[in-house]
C-alpha atoms as a PDB file:
ATOM      1  CA  MET A   1      -4.021  -9.886  -9.952  1.00  0.00           C
ATOM      2  CA  THR A   2      -7.449  -7.723  -9.890  1.00  0.00           C
ATOM      3  CA  GLU A   3      -7.149  -4.217  -9.144  1.00  0.00           C
ATOM      4  CA  HIS A   4      -9.455  -1.293  -7.935  1.00  0.00           C
ATOM      5  CA  LYS A   5      -7.794   2.214  -8.101  1.00  0.00           C
ATOM      6  CA  LYS A   6      -9.242   5.630  -7.488  1.00  0.00           C
ATOM      7  CA  TYR A   7      -7.327   9.228  -7.355  1.00  0.00           C
ATOM      8  CA  ASN A   8      -7.928  11.647  -4.890  1.00  0.00           C
ATOM      9  CA  PRO A   9      -6.986  15.159  -6.064  1.00  0.00           C
ATOM     10  CA  LEU A  10      -7.817  16.549  -2.805  1.00  0.00           C
ATOM     11  CA  LEU A  11      -4.995  14.564  -0.859  1.00  0.00           C
ATOM     12  CA  GLY A  12      -2.585  14.232  -3.835  1.00  0.00           C
ATOM     13  CA  ARG A  13      -2.823  10.075  -3.729  1.00  0.00           C
ATOM     14  CA  HIS A  14      -4.214   6.729  -5.486  1.00  0.00           C
ATOM     15  CA  GLU A  15      -6.617   4.666  -3.438  1.00  0.00           C
ATOM     16  CA  VAL A  16      -5.873   1.166  -4.450  1.00  0.00           C
ATOM     17  CA  MET A  17      -6.745  -2.217  -3.642  1.00  0.00           C
ATOM     18  CA  VAL A  18      -4.717  -5.048  -5.103  1.00  0.00           C
ATOM     19  CA  SER A  19      -5.337  -8.768  -4.757  1.00  0.00           C
ATOM     20  CA  PHE A  20      -2.657 -11.240  -5.303  1.00  0.00           C
ATOM     21  CA  GLU A  21      -1.854 -15.095  -4.362  1.00  0.00           C
ATOM     22  CA  SER A  22       0.561 -16.207  -1.929  1.00  0.00           C
ATOM     23  CA  ILE A  23       1.267 -19.136  -0.123  1.00  0.00           C
ATOM     24  CA  GLY A  24       1.300 -17.375   3.627  1.00  0.00           C
ATOM     25  CA  SER A  25       0.495 -13.887   4.933  1.00  0.00           C
ATOM     26  CA  PRO A  26       2.376 -11.229   3.595  1.00  0.00           C
ATOM     27  CA  SER A  27       3.917  -8.592   5.827  1.00  0.00           C
ATOM     28  CA  LYS A  28       3.156  -4.811   5.072  1.00  0.00           C
ATOM     29  CA  LEU A  29       6.969  -4.558   3.605  1.00  0.00           C
ATOM     30  CA  ILE A  30       5.959  -7.588   1.005  1.00  0.00           C
ATOM     31  CA  ALA A  31       3.078  -6.051   0.153  1.00  0.00           C
ATOM     32  CA  SER A  32       4.136  -2.467  -0.235  1.00  0.00           C
ATOM     33  CA  GLY A  33       6.961  -3.766  -2.585  1.00  0.00           C
ATOM     34  CA  GLU A  34       4.119  -5.711  -4.618  1.00  0.00           C
ATOM     35  CA  VAL A  35       1.960  -2.462  -4.963  1.00  0.00           C
ATOM     36  CA  ALA A  36       5.247  -0.532  -5.587  1.00  0.00           C
ATOM     37  CA  LYS A  37       6.181  -3.217  -8.265  1.00  0.00           C
ATOM     38  CA  LYS A  38       2.523  -3.088  -9.617  1.00  0.00           C
ATOM     39  CA  HIS A  39       2.474   0.460 -10.298  1.00  0.00           C
ATOM     40  CA  GLY A  40       6.181   1.275 -10.926  1.00  0.00           C
ATOM     41  CA  VAL A  41       6.371   3.761  -8.139  1.00  0.00           C
ATOM     42  CA  ASP A  42       8.855   3.855  -5.379  1.00  0.00           C
ATOM     43  CA  ALA A  43       8.321   2.049  -2.155  1.00  0.00           C
ATOM     44  CA  GLU A  44       8.552   4.888   0.148  1.00  0.00           C
ATOM     45  CA  LYS A  45       5.406   6.352  -1.746  1.00  0.00           C
ATOM     46  CA  VAL A  46       3.146   3.458  -0.737  1.00  0.00           C
ATOM     47  CA  VAL A  47       1.577   3.315   2.847  1.00  0.00           C
ATOM     48  CA  VAL A  48      -0.141   0.073   3.253  1.00  0.00           C
ATOM     49  CA  ARG A  49      -3.565   0.512   5.481  1.00  0.00           C
ATOM     50  CA  ASN A  50      -4.224  -3.374   5.720  1.00  0.00           C
ATOM     51  CA  VAL A  51      -4.301  -7.017   4.183  1.00  0.00           C
ATOM     52  CA  LYS A  52      -6.953  -9.029   4.303  1.00  0.00           C
ATOM     53  CA  ASN A  53      -7.920 -12.519   3.371  1.00  0.00           C
ATOM     54  CA  SER A  54     -10.530 -15.154   3.719  1.00  0.00           C
ATOM     55  CA  TYR A  55     -10.323 -18.076   5.937  1.00  0.00           C
ATOM     56  CA  GLY A  56      -8.469 -20.794   4.203  1.00  0.00           C
ATOM     57  CA  SER A  57      -8.092 -18.734   1.224  1.00  0.00           C
ATOM     58  CA  GLN A  58      -4.370 -18.002  -0.450  1.00  0.00           C
ATOM     59  CA  THR A  59      -5.809 -14.816  -2.258  1.00  0.00           C
ATOM     60  CA  PHE A  60      -4.712 -11.559  -0.377  1.00  0.00           C
ATOM     61  CA  VAL A  61      -6.366  -7.867  -0.801  1.00  0.00           C
ATOM     62  CA  ILE A  62      -4.193  -5.061   0.057  1.00  0.00           C
ATOM     63  CA  ASP A  63      -5.672  -1.876   0.607  1.00  0.00           C
ATOM     64  CA  ALA A  64      -2.915   0.854  -0.016  1.00  0.00           C
ATOM     65  CA  PHE A  65      -2.217   4.622  -0.769  1.00  0.00           C
ATOM     66  CA  ILE A  66       0.233   5.799  -3.497  1.00  0.00           C
ATOM     67  CA  TYR A  67       0.907   9.379  -3.055  1.00  0.00           C
ATOM     68  CA  ASP A  68       2.307  11.760  -5.520  1.00  0.00           C
ATOM     69  CA  SER A  69       5.351  12.854  -3.415  1.00  0.00           C
ATOM     70  CA  VAL A  70       7.028  11.608   0.102  1.00  0.00           C
ATOM     71  CA  GLU A  71       6.593  15.123   0.969  1.00  0.00           C
ATOM     72  CA  THR A  72       2.709  14.766   0.664  1.00  0.00           C
ATOM     73  CA  ARG A  73       2.532  11.509   2.485  1.00  0.00           C
ATOM     74  CA  ASP A  74       4.619  12.852   5.311  1.00  0.00           C
ATOM     75  CA  LYS A  75       1.852  15.965   5.567  1.00  0.00           C
ATOM     76  CA  ILE A  76      -1.261  13.717   5.264  1.00  0.00           C
ATOM     77  CA  GLU A  77      -0.399  10.477   7.167  1.00  0.00           C
ATOM     78  CA  PRO A  78      -0.237   9.946  10.851  1.00  0.00           C
ATOM     79  CA  LYS A  79       3.561   9.904  11.730  1.00  0.00           C
ATOM     80  CA  ILE A  80       2.854   6.457  13.725  1.00  0.00           C
ATOM     81  CA  ARG A  81       1.714   4.588  10.681  1.00  0.00           C
ATOM     82  CA  VAL A  82       4.582   6.249   8.712  1.00  0.00           C
ATOM     83  CA  LYS A  83       6.810   5.355  11.279  1.00  0.00           C
ATOM     84  CA  LYS A  84       5.274   1.600  11.366  1.00  0.00           C
ATOM     85  CA  THR A  85       5.376   1.201   7.313  1.00  0.00           C
ATOM     86  CA  PRO A  86       8.842  -0.605   6.539  1.00  0.00           C
ATOM     87  CA  GLY A  87      11.264   0.881   4.040  1.00  0.00           C
ATOM     88  CA  ALA A  88       9.156   4.537   4.894  1.00  0.00           C
ATOM     89  CA  SER A  89      11.547   7.191   6.102  1.00  0.00           C
ATOM     90  CA  GLY A  90      10.056   9.594   8.419  1.00  0.00           C
END
């Protein structure tokens, strides 16, 4: 698993890109669980932007945000994105 991580203090979040191998295309629920497990945070603080891979490859790249708190996430993220994120209350 490789990773790119940058902290954005203005928005109170870590912007991460994590790659991992999987047989099939992971759902956003699985992707947010992988990011949360890797960073040791609650899954409610993770918002997955997208999951990408190259055709025929089993390596997927997850682009996600890890917020400092659920309240910060609710203030910044569009309500529709939070609603579509599995496991997120809001």
